[in-house]
Protein backbone atom coordinates (compact mmCIF):
# COMPACT_ATOMS: atom_id res chain seq x y z
CA MET A 1 -1.05 24.19 16.99
CA LYS A 2 2.68 24.80 16.46
CA ILE A 3 5.10 21.88 16.42
CA ASN A 4 8.86 21.61 16.47
CA LEU A 5 11.06 19.94 13.86
CA SER A 6 11.25 16.63 15.73
CA GLU A 7 7.47 16.38 16.05
CA ALA A 8 7.03 17.34 12.40
CA LYS A 9 9.29 14.50 11.30
CA GLU A 10 7.56 12.03 13.60
CA PHE A 11 4.05 12.92 12.44
CA TYR A 12 4.94 12.79 8.76
CA SER A 13 7.02 9.61 9.08
CA GLN A 14 4.29 7.73 10.93
CA MET A 15 1.52 8.74 8.55
CA LEU A 16 3.67 7.90 5.54
CA LEU A 17 4.59 4.51 7.01
CA ILE A 18 0.91 3.68 7.47
CA ARG A 19 0.12 4.84 3.94
CA ARG A 20 2.93 2.85 2.29
CA PHE A 21 2.14 -0.23 4.39
CA GLU A 22 -1.46 -0.18 3.23
CA GLU A 23 -0.49 0.42 -0.39
CA LYS A 24 1.82 -2.59 -0.20
CA CYS A 25 -1.03 -4.63 1.26
CA ILE A 26 -3.16 -3.82 -1.80
CA GLU A 27 -0.38 -5.14 -4.03
CA LEU A 28 0.10 -8.28 -1.93
CA TYR A 29 -3.63 -8.93 -1.82
CA GLY A 30 -3.73 -8.89 -5.61
CA LEU A 31 -0.93 -11.46 -5.59
CA GLU A 32 -2.90 -13.58 -3.07
CA LYS A 33 -0.11 -13.32 -0.54
CA ILE A 34 -2.66 -11.81 1.85
CA ARG A 35 -6.01 -13.61 1.99
CA GLY A 36 -9.36 -13.11 3.67
CA PHE A 37 -10.77 -9.70 4.53
CA LEU A 38 -8.78 -6.51 4.19
CA HIS A 39 -10.05 -3.10 5.33
CA LEU A 40 -7.75 -0.22 4.48
CA TYR A 41 -7.07 2.92 6.52
CA ILE A 42 -5.82 5.08 3.65
CA GLY A 43 -7.01 8.65 4.21
CA GLU A 44 -7.56 8.29 7.96
CA GLU A 45 -3.92 8.22 9.10
CA ALA A 46 -4.10 11.54 10.94
CA VAL A 47 -6.54 10.16 13.50
CA ALA A 48 -4.39 7.26 14.68
CA VAL A 49 -1.14 9.23 14.68
CA GLY A 50 -2.65 12.26 16.41
CA VAL A 51 -4.29 10.24 19.18
CA MET A 52 -1.29 7.99 19.86
CA ASN A 53 0.82 11.12 20.27
CA ALA A 54 -1.34 12.08 23.25
CA ILE A 55 -1.16 8.88 25.30
CA THR A 56 1.56 6.91 27.10
CA LEU A 57 2.74 3.31 26.83
CA LYS A 58 0.92 2.41 30.04
CA ASP A 59 -2.43 3.37 28.49
CA ALA A 60 -4.55 0.77 26.69
CA VAL A 61 -5.94 0.80 23.14
CA PHE A 62 -8.92 -0.97 21.58
CA ALA A 63 -9.70 -0.71 17.87
CA THR A 64 -11.89 -1.97 15.04
CA TYR A 65 -11.11 -4.27 12.14
CA ARG A 66 -9.68 -1.26 10.22
CA GLU A 67 -6.80 -1.14 12.69
CA HIS A 68 -3.50 -1.33 10.78
CA GLY A 69 -3.01 2.40 11.23
CA GLN A 70 -3.58 2.35 14.97
CA ALA A 71 -1.34 -0.69 15.38
CA ILE A 72 1.55 0.94 13.50
CA ALA A 73 1.11 4.28 15.27
CA ARG A 74 1.06 2.44 18.60
CA GLY A 75 4.52 1.12 17.85
CA ILE A 76 3.89 -2.51 16.93
CA PRO A 77 6.69 -3.52 14.50
CA VAL A 78 5.46 -3.50 10.91
CA LYS A 79 7.26 -6.78 10.26
CA ASN A 80 5.09 -8.57 12.82
CA ILE A 81 1.93 -6.93 11.50
CA MET A 82 2.84 -8.03 7.97
CA ALA A 83 3.59 -11.55 9.18
CA GLU A 84 0.13 -11.64 10.74
CA MET A 85 -1.37 -10.59 7.40
CA TYR A 86 0.49 -13.50 5.82
CA GLY A 87 -0.83 -15.93 8.45
CA LYS A 88 2.64 -16.69 9.79
CA LEU A 89 3.64 -17.72 13.33
CA GLU A 90 5.77 -14.60 13.67
CA GLY A 91 2.64 -12.47 13.41
CA THR A 92 1.07 -10.60 16.30
CA SER A 93 -1.51 -13.38 16.83
CA ARG A 94 0.58 -16.30 15.56
CA GLY A 95 -1.03 -15.80 12.15
CA ARG A 96 -4.44 -16.82 13.46
CA GLY A 97 -6.09 -13.41 13.45
CA GLY A 98 -5.08 -11.90 10.14
CA SER A 99 -5.87 -8.36 9.10
CA MET A 100 -8.85 -7.86 11.41
CA HIS A 101 -7.29 -9.11 14.64
CA ILE A 102 -3.98 -7.36 15.25
CA PHE A 103 -3.20 -7.82 18.96
CA ASP A 104 -0.10 -7.03 20.98
CA ALA A 105 0.00 -7.30 24.77
CA LYS A 106 3.44 -5.64 25.00
CA THR A 107 2.10 -2.36 23.68
CA ARG A 108 -1.30 -2.86 25.36
CA PHE A 109 -3.00 -2.97 21.97
CA TYR A 110 -6.10 -5.12 22.50
CA GLY A 111 -7.41 -5.54 18.97
CA GLY A 112 -8.43 -5.54 16.16
CA ASN A 113 -12.08 -6.47 16.89
CA ALA A 114 -14.13 -7.74 13.96
CA ILE A 115 -17.56 -7.20 15.54
CA VAL A 116 -18.93 -3.70 14.92
CA ALA A 117 -19.02 -1.89 18.31
CA GLY A 118 -17.58 -5.01 19.94
CA ALA A 119 -14.66 -3.16 21.50
CA LEU A 120 -16.85 -0.60 23.31
CA PRO A 121 -18.02 -2.80 26.22
CA LEU A 122 -14.52 -4.30 26.50
CA THR A 123 -13.16 -0.78 26.89
CA VAL A 124 -15.67 0.00 29.63
CA GLY A 125 -14.68 -3.17 31.48
CA MET A 126 -10.98 -2.39 31.23
CA ALA A 127 -11.49 1.18 32.43
CA LEU A 128 -13.70 0.05 35.31
CA ALA A 129 -10.97 -2.32 36.47
CA ASP A 130 -8.38 0.46 36.28
CA LYS A 131 -10.57 2.81 38.29
CA MET A 132 -11.27 0.20 40.98
CA MET A 133 -7.54 -0.54 41.23
CA LYS A 134 -6.79 3.22 41.33
CA ARG A 135 -4.44 2.99 38.34
CA ASP A 136 -3.57 6.16 36.42
CA ILE A 137 -4.43 4.67 33.03
CA VAL A 138 -6.50 5.95 30.14
CA THR A 139 -8.18 3.42 27.86
CA VAL A 140 -8.69 4.56 24.27
CA CYS A 141 -11.38 3.07 22.07
CA PHE A 142 -11.46 3.65 18.30
CA PHE A 143 -14.69 2.87 16.45
CA GLY A 144 -16.47 3.98 13.29
CA ASP A 145 -19.70 5.86 12.74
CA GLY A 146 -21.39 2.55 11.91
CA ALA A 147 -20.97 1.47 15.55
CA VAL A 148 -23.27 4.29 16.67
CA ALA A 149 -26.26 2.28 15.38
CA GLU A 150 -25.45 -0.58 17.76
CA GLY A 151 -26.91 -1.02 21.22
CA GLU A 152 -23.43 -1.46 22.73
CA PHE A 153 -22.63 2.13 21.83
CA HIS A 154 -25.40 3.56 23.99
CA GLU A 155 -24.86 1.10 26.82
CA SER A 156 -21.14 1.88 26.88
CA MET A 157 -21.64 5.65 26.75
CA ASN A 158 -24.10 5.46 29.61
CA LEU A 159 -21.99 3.29 31.90
CA ALA A 160 -18.75 5.17 31.18
CA ALA A 161 -20.42 8.47 32.06
CA LEU A 162 -22.35 7.07 35.02
CA TRP A 163 -19.23 5.62 36.60
CA LYS A 164 -16.91 8.44 35.43
CA LEU A 165 -14.52 5.99 33.81
CA PRO A 166 -11.11 6.99 32.37
CA VAL A 167 -12.04 6.37 28.73
CA LEU A 168 -11.19 8.31 25.59
CA PHE A 169 -13.77 7.45 22.93
CA ILE A 170 -12.57 8.15 19.37
CA CYS A 171 -15.28 7.95 16.73
CA GLU A 172 -13.66 7.85 13.30
CA ASN A 173 -16.56 9.24 11.32
CA ASN A 174 -15.74 8.53 7.68
CA LEU A 175 -19.38 9.16 6.68
CA TYR A 176 -20.14 5.56 5.66
CA GLY A 177 -21.02 2.39 7.56
CA MET A 178 -19.99 -0.11 4.89
CA GLY A 179 -22.04 1.22 1.95
CA THR A 180 -24.63 3.21 3.90
CA ALA A 181 -24.17 6.97 4.21
CA LEU A 182 -24.50 8.32 7.73
CA GLU A 183 -27.44 10.54 6.73
CA PHE A 184 -29.44 7.44 5.80
CA SER A 185 -28.84 5.62 9.09
CA GLN A 186 -28.88 8.36 11.74
CA SER A 187 -31.52 11.04 12.30
CA GLU A 188 -28.86 13.06 14.16
CA THR A 189 -25.60 12.99 12.21
CA ASN A 190 -23.62 14.99 14.80
CA ILE A 191 -22.26 12.03 16.74
CA ALA A 192 -20.45 14.17 19.30
CA LYS A 193 -23.84 15.64 20.16
CA LYS A 194 -25.16 12.14 20.86
CA ALA A 195 -22.27 11.55 23.26
CA SER A 196 -22.89 14.84 25.05
CA SER A 197 -26.44 13.67 25.78
CA TYR A 198 -24.84 11.20 28.19
CA LEU A 199 -23.35 14.18 30.05
CA MET A 200 -19.75 13.57 28.99
CA ASP A 201 -17.38 16.11 27.45
CA SER A 202 -17.39 15.79 23.67
CA MET A 203 -16.13 17.60 20.60
CA GLN A 204 -15.75 17.34 16.84
CA VAL A 205 -12.33 17.69 15.25
CA ASP A 206 -10.92 17.77 11.72
CA GLY A 207 -9.77 14.18 11.34
CA MET A 208 -7.69 15.02 8.25
CA ASP A 209 -5.41 17.31 10.28
CA VAL A 210 -2.99 15.44 12.52
CA LEU A 211 -2.14 18.58 14.48
CA GLU A 212 -5.78 19.27 15.30
CA VAL A 213 -6.34 15.64 16.31
CA SER A 214 -3.27 15.67 18.54
CA LYS A 215 -4.34 18.93 20.16
CA ALA A 216 -7.84 17.61 20.87
CA ALA A 217 -6.57 14.27 22.16
CA LYS A 218 -4.12 15.93 24.54
CA LYS A 219 -6.91 18.11 25.92
CA ALA A 220 -9.11 15.05 26.37
CA VAL A 221 -6.42 12.95 28.08
CA LEU A 222 -5.63 15.78 30.49
CA SER A 223 -9.31 16.03 31.40
CA ILE A 224 -9.61 12.28 31.91
CA ARG A 225 -6.49 12.06 34.08
CA SER A 226 -7.87 14.93 36.16
CA GLY A 227 -10.77 12.71 37.19
CA ASN A 228 -13.46 14.25 34.99
CA GLY A 229 -14.62 10.97 33.53
CA PRO A 230 -14.81 9.95 29.86
CA PHE A 231 -14.19 12.22 26.89
CA PHE A 232 -15.61 11.77 23.39
CA ILE A 233 -13.92 12.94 20.18
CA GLU A 234 -15.62 12.67 16.81
CA ALA A 235 -12.90 12.81 14.16
CA LEU A 236 -14.38 13.85 10.82
CA THR A 237 -12.38 11.84 8.33
CA TYR A 238 -12.70 9.90 5.08
CA ARG A 239 -11.42 6.62 3.69
CA PHE A 240 -10.07 6.95 0.17
CA ARG A 241 -10.51 3.26 -0.59
CA ALA A 242 -13.66 1.15 -0.56
CA HIS A 243 -15.00 -0.39 2.66
CA SER A 244 -13.04 -3.57 1.95
CA MET A 245 -11.30 -5.25 -0.95
CA PHE A 246 -14.61 -6.96 -1.83
CA ASP A 247 -16.54 -3.69 -2.03
CA ALA A 248 -17.71 -2.60 -5.50
CA GLU A 249 -18.06 0.96 -4.12
CA LEU A 250 -21.30 1.82 -5.92
CA TYR A 251 -22.62 4.07 -3.15
CA ARG A 252 -20.44 7.16 -3.67
CA SER A 253 -19.15 9.10 -6.63
CA LYS A 254 -15.59 9.42 -7.88
CA GLU A 255 -16.03 13.20 -7.62
CA GLU A 256 -16.75 12.94 -3.91
CA VAL A 257 -13.65 10.83 -3.29
CA ASP A 258 -11.48 13.18 -5.36
CA LYS A 259 -12.80 16.16 -3.40
CA TRP A 260 -11.76 14.56 -0.13
CA LYS A 261 -8.37 13.57 -1.54
CA LYS A 262 -7.55 17.25 -1.79
CA ARG A 263 -7.57 17.17 2.02
CA ASP A 264 -5.23 14.17 2.22
CA PRO A 265 -3.69 14.17 5.74
CA LEU A 266 -0.19 14.12 4.21
CA ILE A 267 -1.00 17.17 2.08
CA VAL A 268 -2.64 19.01 4.97
CA LEU A 269 0.44 18.49 7.15
CA LYS A 270 2.78 19.44 4.30
CA ASN A 271 0.94 22.73 3.79
CA LYS A 272 1.11 23.57 7.48
CA LEU A 273 4.81 22.73 7.68
CA GLU A 274 5.48 24.92 4.66
CA ASN A 275 3.71 27.80 6.37
CA ASP A 276 5.86 27.25 9.46
CA GLY A 277 9.07 26.97 7.44
CA LEU A 278 9.64 23.35 8.50
CA TRP A 279 8.83 21.39 5.34
CA SER A 280 12.26 21.90 3.76
CA LYS A 281 13.94 20.77 6.98
CA ILE A 282 12.29 17.39 7.62
CA GLU A 283 14.28 15.56 4.92
CA VAL A 284 11.32 14.14 3.02
CA GLU A 285 13.43 12.05 0.63
CA LYS A 286 15.19 10.36 3.53
CA ILE A 287 11.87 9.64 5.23
CA GLU A 288 10.55 8.11 1.99
CA LYS A 289 13.64 5.89 1.68
CA ASP A 290 13.50 4.81 5.33
CA VAL A 291 9.82 3.96 5.03
CA ALA A 292 10.35 2.03 1.79
CA LEU A 293 13.15 0.05 3.41
CA ALA A 294 11.00 -0.76 6.45
CA ILE A 295 8.20 -2.04 4.20
CA ASP A 296 10.60 -4.13 2.11
CA LYS A 297 12.04 -5.69 5.27
CA ALA A 298 8.55 -6.37 6.61
CA VAL A 299 7.59 -8.21 3.42
CA GLU A 300 10.84 -10.20 3.48
CA PHE A 301 10.23 -11.09 7.13
CA ALA A 302 6.71 -12.28 6.34
CA GLU A 303 7.79 -14.21 3.25
CA ASN A 304 10.42 -16.04 5.29
CA GLY A 305 8.04 -16.62 8.19
CA THR A 306 6.80 -19.96 9.48
CA LEU A 307 3.43 -21.53 8.84
CA GLU A 308 1.90 -23.19 11.88
CA PRO A 309 2.25 -27.00 11.82
CA LEU A 310 -1.02 -28.84 11.26
CA ASP A 311 -0.49 -30.70 14.53
CA ASP A 312 -0.76 -27.38 16.39
CA LEU A 313 -4.11 -26.30 14.94
CA LYS A 314 -6.00 -27.33 18.09
CA LYS A 315 -3.67 -25.36 20.36
CA PHE A 316 -5.32 -22.44 22.19
CA VAL A 317 -8.80 -23.52 21.09
CA TYR A 318 -9.66 -24.93 24.51
CA SER A 319 -8.06 -24.09 27.83
CA ASN A 320 -6.63 -26.74 30.12
């Protein structure tokens, strides 16, 4: 897949912004500025950026608890995401959701869902409503390979295919469900093959290559908008960090992680841009400076944010 200079800059800038945001979160977590659970997306940036490049602002997005990357790629301001991590009112969920519950109605980003596979039936419901209302909208659902073991996965695949719903399923297969390797939890490790058993179009793609992800996602969205029903993409990817900040990471070797790091999405894109003669033209140093400034401003915004008054703690708990 060939890209122009503008696209090259956009892809690299977005992936770098996600990477630097997450690295800053590690630092802030160590300083106890960010509390609670924290699941990092480092290594998987190409999936979010590639998919978001293929959809429009009218489309809807559902994600898992490892959703910082999708949220940033969707266009939610990093300052508001950081404020949410800090538990401040200026956050995307008024500071009540934290890392696992990034939500933004303006960009039609519906979570951040902490329950494994929990977003799948929500996606089916949203897509069913769109089809009944004859709206030209694609609903995208990101989930991990661990969700495949849940009953909601199979129920959602079946209904989406049965009703020919406008859904793009994105399985981010990073080979581990928490600390369990895929080969120890699934008799069939080709997840795209599972999806095809429900008679929907499916494919595997290199999830470390943003160009390949974008190409596959555009093909899928075109098929869905043409009325062909749901499309399933299994993005073969890898998280460079542990499952969460509380994970001792005893289930995989350092050699395995290092091997995958050689296919870092940023490195893969750099190599392709060098081959196309574009790397020297995207102004990498400027991108780095712009990203660093955006992260610094996001931290400053969060630091200066407002904690919710104690008197408001019961707000939004019950509806009037």
